[in-house]
PDB file of N, CA and C in Angstrom:
ATOM      1  N   MET A   1       0.961  -1.509   0.202  1.00  0.00           N
ATOM      2  CA  MET A   1      -0.013   0.242   0.301  1.00  0.00           C
ATOM      3  C   MET A   1       0.899   1.465  -0.240  1.00  0.00           C
ATOM      4  N   LYS A   2       0.564   1.917  -0.627  1.00  0.00           N
ATOM      5  CA  LYS A   2       1.500   3.621  -0.268  1.00  0.00           C
ATOM      6  C   LYS A   2       0.431   4.826  -0.019  1.00  0.00           C
ATOM      7  N   ILE A   3       0.785   5.373   0.633  1.00  0.00           N
ATOM      8  CA  ILE A   3       1.041   5.998   2.003  1.00  0.00           C
ATOM      9  C   ILE A   3       1.430   7.603   1.255  1.00  0.00           C
ATOM     10  N   MET A   4       0.398   8.674   1.603  1.00  0.00           N
ATOM     11  CA  MET A   4       1.132  10.133   1.785  1.00  0.00           C
ATOM     12  C   MET A   4       0.762  10.929   3.056  1.00  0.00           C
ATOM     13  N   LEU A   5       1.137  11.309   3.653  1.00  0.00           N
ATOM     14  CA  LEU A   5       1.005  11.816   4.585  1.00  0.00           C
ATOM     15  C   LEU A   5       1.329  13.175   4.533  1.00  0.00           C
ATOM     16  N   ILE A   6       0.924  14.616   5.100  1.00  0.00           N
ATOM     17  CA  ILE A   6       0.978  15.822   4.117  1.00  0.00           C
ATOM     18  C   ILE A   6       1.094  16.232   5.612  1.00  0.00           C
ATOM     19  N   SER A   7       2.209  17.446   6.021  1.00  0.00           N
ATOM     20  CA  SER A   7       3.080  18.387   5.870  1.00  0.00           C
ATOM     21  C   SER A   7       2.283  19.229   6.860  1.00  0.00           C
ATOM     22  N   GLY A   8       1.081  19.683   6.964  1.00  0.00           N
ATOM     23  CA  GLY A   8       0.049  21.071   7.520  1.00  0.00           C
ATOM     24  C   GLY A   8       0.975  22.462   7.683  1.00  0.00           C
ATOM     25  N   SER A   9       2.668  22.148   8.525  1.00  0.00           N
ATOM     26  CA  SER A   9       3.125  23.339   8.252  1.00  0.00           C
ATOM     27  C   SER A   9       3.685  24.151   7.651  1.00  0.00           C
ATOM     28  N   HIS A  10       3.495  25.602   7.308  1.00  0.00           N
ATOM     29  CA  HIS A  10       3.646  25.743   5.785  1.00  0.00           C
ATOM     30  C   HIS A  10       5.012  26.768   7.130  1.00  0.00           C
ATOM     31  N   ARG A  11       5.574  26.112   8.271  1.00  0.00           N
ATOM     32  CA  ARG A  11       7.470  26.616   8.286  1.00  0.00           C
ATOM     33  C   ARG A  11       8.395  25.654   7.719  1.00  0.00           C
ATOM     34  N   MET A  12       9.332  25.979   7.665  1.00  0.00           N
ATOM     35  CA  MET A  12      10.224  25.315   6.928  1.00  0.00           C
ATOM     36  C   MET A  12      10.908  24.146   8.125  1.00  0.00           C
ATOM     37  N   ASN A  13      11.582  23.213   8.238  1.00  0.00           N
ATOM     38  CA  ASN A  13      12.315  22.524   9.264  1.00  0.00           C
ATOM     39  C   ASN A  13      11.131  22.446  10.766  1.00  0.00           C
ATOM     40  N   SER A  14       9.597  22.554  10.125  1.00  0.00           N
ATOM     41  CA  SER A  14       8.800  22.304  11.277  1.00  0.00           C
ATOM     42  C   SER A  14       8.609  20.974  12.019  1.00  0.00           C
ATOM     43  N   GLN A  15       8.021  20.568  12.987  1.00  0.00           N
ATOM     44  CA  GLN A  15       7.815  20.023  14.019  1.00  0.00           C
ATOM     45  C   GLN A  15       6.809  18.831  13.506  1.00  0.00           C
ATOM     46  N   SER A  16       5.713  19.292  12.617  1.00  0.00           N
ATOM     47  CA  SER A  16       4.963  18.718  12.048  1.00  0.00           C
ATOM     48  C   SER A  16       5.264  17.996  10.950  1.00  0.00           C
ATOM     49  N   GLU A  17       6.549  18.123   9.813  1.00  0.00           N
ATOM     50  CA  GLU A  17       6.988  18.049   8.748  1.00  0.00           C
ATOM     51  C   GLU A  17       7.990  16.796   9.589  1.00  0.00           C
ATOM     52  N   LYS A  18       9.270  16.743  11.331  1.00  0.00           N
ATOM     53  CA  LYS A  18       9.487  15.806  11.108  1.00  0.00           C
ATOM     54  C   LYS A  18       8.230  14.713  12.068  1.00  0.00           C
ATOM     55  N   VAL A  19       7.657  15.141  12.675  1.00  0.00           N
ATOM     56  CA  VAL A  19       6.723  13.661  12.512  1.00  0.00           C
ATOM     57  C   VAL A  19       5.999  12.777  11.237  1.00  0.00           C
ATOM     58  N   ALA A  20       5.799  13.561  10.108  1.00  0.00           N
ATOM     59  CA  ALA A  20       5.506  13.174   9.201  1.00  0.00           C
ATOM     60  C   ALA A  20       6.328  12.323   8.778  1.00  0.00           C
ATOM     61  N   HIS A  21       8.083  12.936   8.665  1.00  0.00           N
ATOM     62  CA  HIS A  21       9.480  11.757   8.136  1.00  0.00           C
ATOM     63  C   HIS A  21       9.102  10.507   8.600  1.00  0.00           C
ATOM     64  N   TYR A  22       9.016  10.785  10.431  1.00  0.00           N
ATOM     65  CA  TYR A  22      10.142   9.580  11.450  1.00  0.00           C
ATOM     66  C   TYR A  22       8.217   8.549  11.172  1.00  0.00           C
ATOM     67  N   MET A  23       6.908   9.314  10.908  1.00  0.00           N
ATOM     68  CA  MET A  23       5.785   8.378   9.969  1.00  0.00           C
ATOM     69  C   MET A  23       6.521   7.554   9.344  1.00  0.00           C
ATOM     70  N   ALA A  24       6.238   8.197   7.979  1.00  0.00           N
ATOM     71  CA  ALA A  24       6.517   7.562   7.111  1.00  0.00           C
ATOM     72  C   ALA A  24       7.908   6.468   7.127  1.00  0.00           C
ATOM     73  N   GLN A  25       8.505   6.888   7.696  1.00  0.00           N
ATOM     74  CA  GLN A  25       9.937   5.302   7.488  1.00  0.00           C
ATOM     75  C   GLN A  25       9.008   4.649   8.509  1.00  0.00           C
ATOM     76  N   SER A  26       8.538   4.966   9.908  1.00  0.00           N
ATOM     77  CA  SER A  26       8.201   3.512   9.817  1.00  0.00           C
ATOM     78  C   SER A  26       6.995   3.227   9.770  1.00  0.00           C
ATOM     79  N   LEU A  27       6.205   3.003   9.469  1.00  0.00           N
ATOM     80  CA  LEU A  27       5.273   2.535   8.109  1.00  0.00           C
ATOM     81  C   LEU A  27       5.981   1.289   7.244  1.00  0.00           C
ATOM     82  N   LEU A  28       7.232   2.098   6.947  1.00  0.00           N
ATOM     83  CA  LEU A  28       7.967   0.974   5.677  1.00  0.00           C
ATOM     84  C   LEU A  28       8.304   0.219   6.872  1.00  0.00           C
ATOM     85  N   ASP A  29       8.750   0.633   7.799  1.00  0.00           N
ATOM     86  CA  ASP A  29       9.889  -0.176   8.389  1.00  0.00           C
ATOM     87  C   ASP A  29       9.501  -1.259   8.895  1.00  0.00           C
ATOM     88  N   ASN A  30       8.011  -1.279   9.477  1.00  0.00           N
ATOM     89  CA  ASN A  30       6.782  -2.397  10.349  1.00  0.00           C
ATOM     90  C   ASN A  30       6.139  -3.100   8.895  1.00  0.00           C
ATOM     91  N   GLY A  31       6.092  -2.930   7.873  1.00  0.00           N
ATOM     92  CA  GLY A  31       6.235  -3.619   6.969  1.00  0.00           C
ATOM     93  C   GLY A  31       4.433  -2.771   6.402  1.00  0.00           C
ATOM     94  N   GLN A  32       3.656  -1.596   6.956  1.00  0.00           N
ATOM     95  CA  GLN A  32       2.397  -0.997   7.130  1.00  0.00           C
ATOM     96  C   GLN A  32       1.924  -0.450   5.659  1.00  0.00           C
ATOM     97  N   ALA A  33       3.121  -0.408   4.669  1.00  0.00           N
ATOM     98  CA  ALA A  33       3.177   0.638   3.434  1.00  0.00           C
ATOM     99  C   ALA A  33       4.637  -0.182   2.531  1.00  0.00           C
ATOM    100  N   THR A  34       4.832  -0.313   1.639  1.00  0.00           N
ATOM    101  CA  THR A  34       5.352  -0.972   0.638  1.00  0.00           C
ATOM    102  C   THR A  34       6.732   0.518   0.113  1.00  0.00           C
ATOM    103  N   ALA A  35       5.333   1.893   0.416  1.00  0.00           N
ATOM    104  CA  ALA A  35       6.269   3.165  -0.343  1.00  0.00           C
ATOM    105  C   ALA A  35       5.271   4.105   0.630  1.00  0.00           C
ATOM    106  N   THR A  36       5.846   5.436   1.104  1.00  0.00           N
ATOM    107  CA  THR A  36       5.161   6.263   1.752  1.00  0.00           C
ATOM    108  C   THR A  36       5.848   7.588   1.127  1.00  0.00           C
ATOM    109  N   GLU A  37       5.162   8.654   1.419  1.00  0.00           N
ATOM    110  CA  GLU A  37       5.590   9.762   1.143  1.00  0.00           C
ATOM    111  C   GLU A  37       5.390  10.729   1.641  1.00  0.00           C
ATOM    112  N   VAL A  38       5.973  12.223   2.233  1.00  0.00           N
ATOM    113  CA  VAL A  38       5.360  13.292   2.751  1.00  0.00           C
ATOM    114  C   VAL A  38       5.168  14.247   1.542  1.00  0.00           C
ATOM    115  N   PHE A  39       4.598  14.978   1.414  1.00  0.00           N
ATOM    116  CA  PHE A  39       3.599  16.112   1.301  1.00  0.00           C
ATOM    117  C   PHE A  39       4.465  18.037   2.669  1.00  0.00           C
ATOM    118  N   SER A  40       4.894  18.367   2.281  1.00  0.00           N
ATOM    119  CA  SER A  40       5.107  20.064   3.307  1.00  0.00           C
ATOM    120  C   SER A  40       4.762  20.663   2.810  1.00  0.00           C
ATOM    121  N   LEU A  41       3.221  21.094   3.379  1.00  0.00           N
ATOM    122  CA  LEU A  41       3.810  22.946   2.924  1.00  0.00           C
ATOM    123  C   LEU A  41       4.715  24.276   3.347  1.00  0.00           C
ATOM    124  N   ALA A  42       5.830  23.577   3.599  1.00  0.00           N
ATOM    125  CA  ALA A  42       6.681  24.117   4.336  1.00  0.00           C
ATOM    126  C   ALA A  42       7.751  24.627   2.469  1.00  0.00           C
ATOM    127  N   GLY A  43       7.152  26.384   2.531  1.00  0.00           N
ATOM    128  CA  GLY A  43       7.590  27.303   1.715  1.00  0.00           C
ATOM    129  C   GLY A  43       6.193  27.095  -0.666  1.00  0.00           C
ATOM    130  N   ASN A  44       5.210  26.968   0.704  1.00  0.00           N
ATOM    131  CA  ASN A  44       4.120  27.362   0.252  1.00  0.00           C
ATOM    132  C   ASN A  44       3.550  27.998  -0.458  1.00  0.00           C
ATOM    133  N   PRO A  45       3.664  28.779  -1.618  1.00  0.00           N
ATOM    134  CA  PRO A  45       2.604  30.446  -0.869  1.00  0.00           C
ATOM    135  C   PRO A  45       1.745  30.144  -0.790  1.00  0.00           C
ATOM    136  N   LEU A  46       0.472  28.935  -0.438  1.00  0.00           N
ATOM    137  CA  LEU A  46      -0.345  29.841   0.169  1.00  0.00           C
ATOM    138  C   LEU A  46      -0.996  30.863   0.977  1.00  0.00           C
ATOM    139  N   PRO A  47      -1.703  30.979   1.301  1.00  0.00           N
ATOM    140  CA  PRO A  47      -1.905  32.252   1.952  1.00  0.00           C
ATOM    141  C   PRO A  47      -2.315  32.690   2.967  1.00  0.00           C
ATOM    142  N   LEU A  48      -1.861  30.989   3.701  1.00  0.00           N
ATOM    143  CA  LEU A  48      -2.382  30.753   5.262  1.00  0.00           C
ATOM    144  C   LEU A  48      -2.282  30.838   6.446  1.00  0.00           C
ATOM    145  N   TRP A  49      -0.993  31.859   6.598  1.00  0.00           N
ATOM    146  CA  TRP A  49      -0.857  32.873   8.375  1.00  0.00           C
ATOM    147  C   TRP A  49       0.476  33.224   7.499  1.00  0.00           C
ATOM    148  N   ASP A  50       0.389  35.345   7.909  1.00  0.00           N
ATOM    149  CA  ASP A  50       1.178  36.300   8.318  1.00  0.00           C
ATOM    150  C   ASP A  50       1.937  36.031   9.321  1.00  0.00           C
ATOM    151  N   GLU A  51       3.510  35.929   8.652  1.00  0.00           N
ATOM    152  CA  GLU A  51       3.910  36.189  10.376  1.00  0.00           C
ATOM    153  C   GLU A  51       4.847  37.272  10.174  1.00  0.00           C
ATOM    154  N   GLY A  52       3.733  37.768   9.802  1.00  0.00           N
ATOM    155  CA  GLY A  52       3.711  39.487  10.858  1.00  0.00           C
ATOM    156  C   GLY A  52       3.252  40.454  12.025  1.00  0.00           C
ATOM    157  N   ILE A  53       2.792  39.143  12.219  1.00  0.00           N
ATOM    158  CA  ILE A  53       1.421  39.134  13.308  1.00  0.00           C
ATOM    159  C   ILE A  53       2.593  38.624  14.830  1.00  0.00           C
ATOM    160  N   TRP A  54       3.798  38.028  14.718  1.00  0.00           N
ATOM    161  CA  TRP A  54       4.556  38.079  15.490  1.00  0.00           C
ATOM    162  C   TRP A  54       5.978  39.078  15.687  1.00  0.00           C
ATOM    163  N   ASN A  55       5.702  39.652  14.427  1.00  0.00           N
ATOM    164  CA  ASN A  55       6.771  40.869  14.170  1.00  0.00           C
ATOM    165  C   ASN A  55       6.448  42.627  14.231  1.00  0.00           C
ATOM    166  N   GLY A  56       5.228  42.352  14.593  1.00  0.00           N
ATOM    167  CA  GLY A  56       4.536  43.586  15.233  1.00  0.00           C
ATOM    168  C   GLY A  56       4.422  44.450  13.486  1.00  0.00           C
ATOM    169  N   ASP A  57       3.591  43.863  12.305  1.00  0.00           N
ATOM    170  CA  ASP A  57       3.798  44.224  11.416  1.00  0.00           C
ATOM    171  C   ASP A  57       1.937  45.150  12.805  1.00  0.00           C
ATOM    172  N   ALA A  58       2.361  46.522  11.400  1.00  0.00           N
ATOM    173  CA  ALA A  58       1.001  47.484  11.376  1.00  0.00           C
ATOM    174  C   ALA A  58      -0.265  46.896  11.251  1.00  0.00           C
ATOM    175  N   ALA A  59      -0.072  45.632  10.354  1.00  0.00           N
ATOM    176  CA  ALA A  59      -1.296  45.895   9.744  1.00  0.00           C
ATOM    177  C   ALA A  59      -2.327  44.981  11.032  1.00  0.00           C
ATOM    178  N   TRP A  60      -1.389  44.176  11.697  1.00  0.00           N
ATOM    179  CA  TRP A  60      -1.720  42.768  12.768  1.00  0.00           C
ATOM    180  C   TRP A  60      -2.427  44.298  13.980  1.00  0.00           C
ATOM    181  N   GLN A  61      -1.651  44.918  14.809  1.00  0.00           N
ATOM    182  CA  GLN A  61      -1.818  45.286  15.249  1.00  0.00           C
ATOM    183  C   GLN A  61      -2.875  46.178  15.094  1.00  0.00           C
ATOM    184  N   ALA A  62      -3.286  46.968  14.459  1.00  0.00           N
ATOM    185  CA  ALA A  62      -4.500  47.876  13.689  1.00  0.00           C
ATOM    186  C   ALA A  62      -6.067  46.771  14.585  1.00  0.00           C
ATOM    187  N   LEU A  63      -5.636  45.075  13.860  1.00  0.00           N
ATOM    188  CA  LEU A  63      -6.175  44.355  14.096  1.00  0.00           C
ATOM    189  C   LEU A  63      -6.370  43.862  15.307  1.00  0.00           C
ATOM    190  N   LEU A  64      -5.674  44.182  15.997  1.00  0.00           N
ATOM    191  CA  LEU A  64      -4.630  42.778  17.936  1.00  0.00           C
ATOM    192  C   LEU A  64      -5.496  43.969  18.990  1.00  0.00           C
ATOM    193  N   ASN A  65      -5.273  45.343  18.768  1.00  0.00           N
ATOM    194  CA  ASN A  65      -5.185  45.822  19.723  1.00  0.00           C
ATOM    195  C   ASN A  65      -6.682  45.925  20.524  1.00  0.00           C
ATOM    196  N   PRO A  66      -7.026  46.130  19.711  1.00  0.00           N
ATOM    197  CA  PRO A  66      -8.877  46.535  19.815  1.00  0.00           C
ATOM    198  C   PRO A  66      -9.503  45.388  21.403  1.00  0.00           C
ATOM    199  N   LEU A  67      -8.397  44.026  20.862  1.00  0.00           N
ATOM    200  CA  LEU A  67      -8.427  43.226  21.470  1.00  0.00           C
ATOM    201  C   LEU A  67      -8.124  42.711  23.169  1.00  0.00           C
ATOM    202  N   SER A  68      -7.313  44.078  23.388  1.00  0.00           N
ATOM    203  CA  SER A  68      -6.525  43.628  24.634  1.00  0.00           C
ATOM    204  C   SER A  68      -7.174  43.788  24.757  1.00  0.00           C
TER     205      SER A  68
END
């Protein structure tokens, strides 16, 4: 059986991607899959999350200040 694991984090070197690679190898080692592939969203230009929220971006501050 072929299995594809999807790492949903868009961050490079994320824990999600590390776990996906571990799971892929574990499936192969245990004979639960004949082939595995990891598809990572890291580096993908999908607009999933804007890192500006952590960098004090003015647009984010305008949205977050009323919540404080």
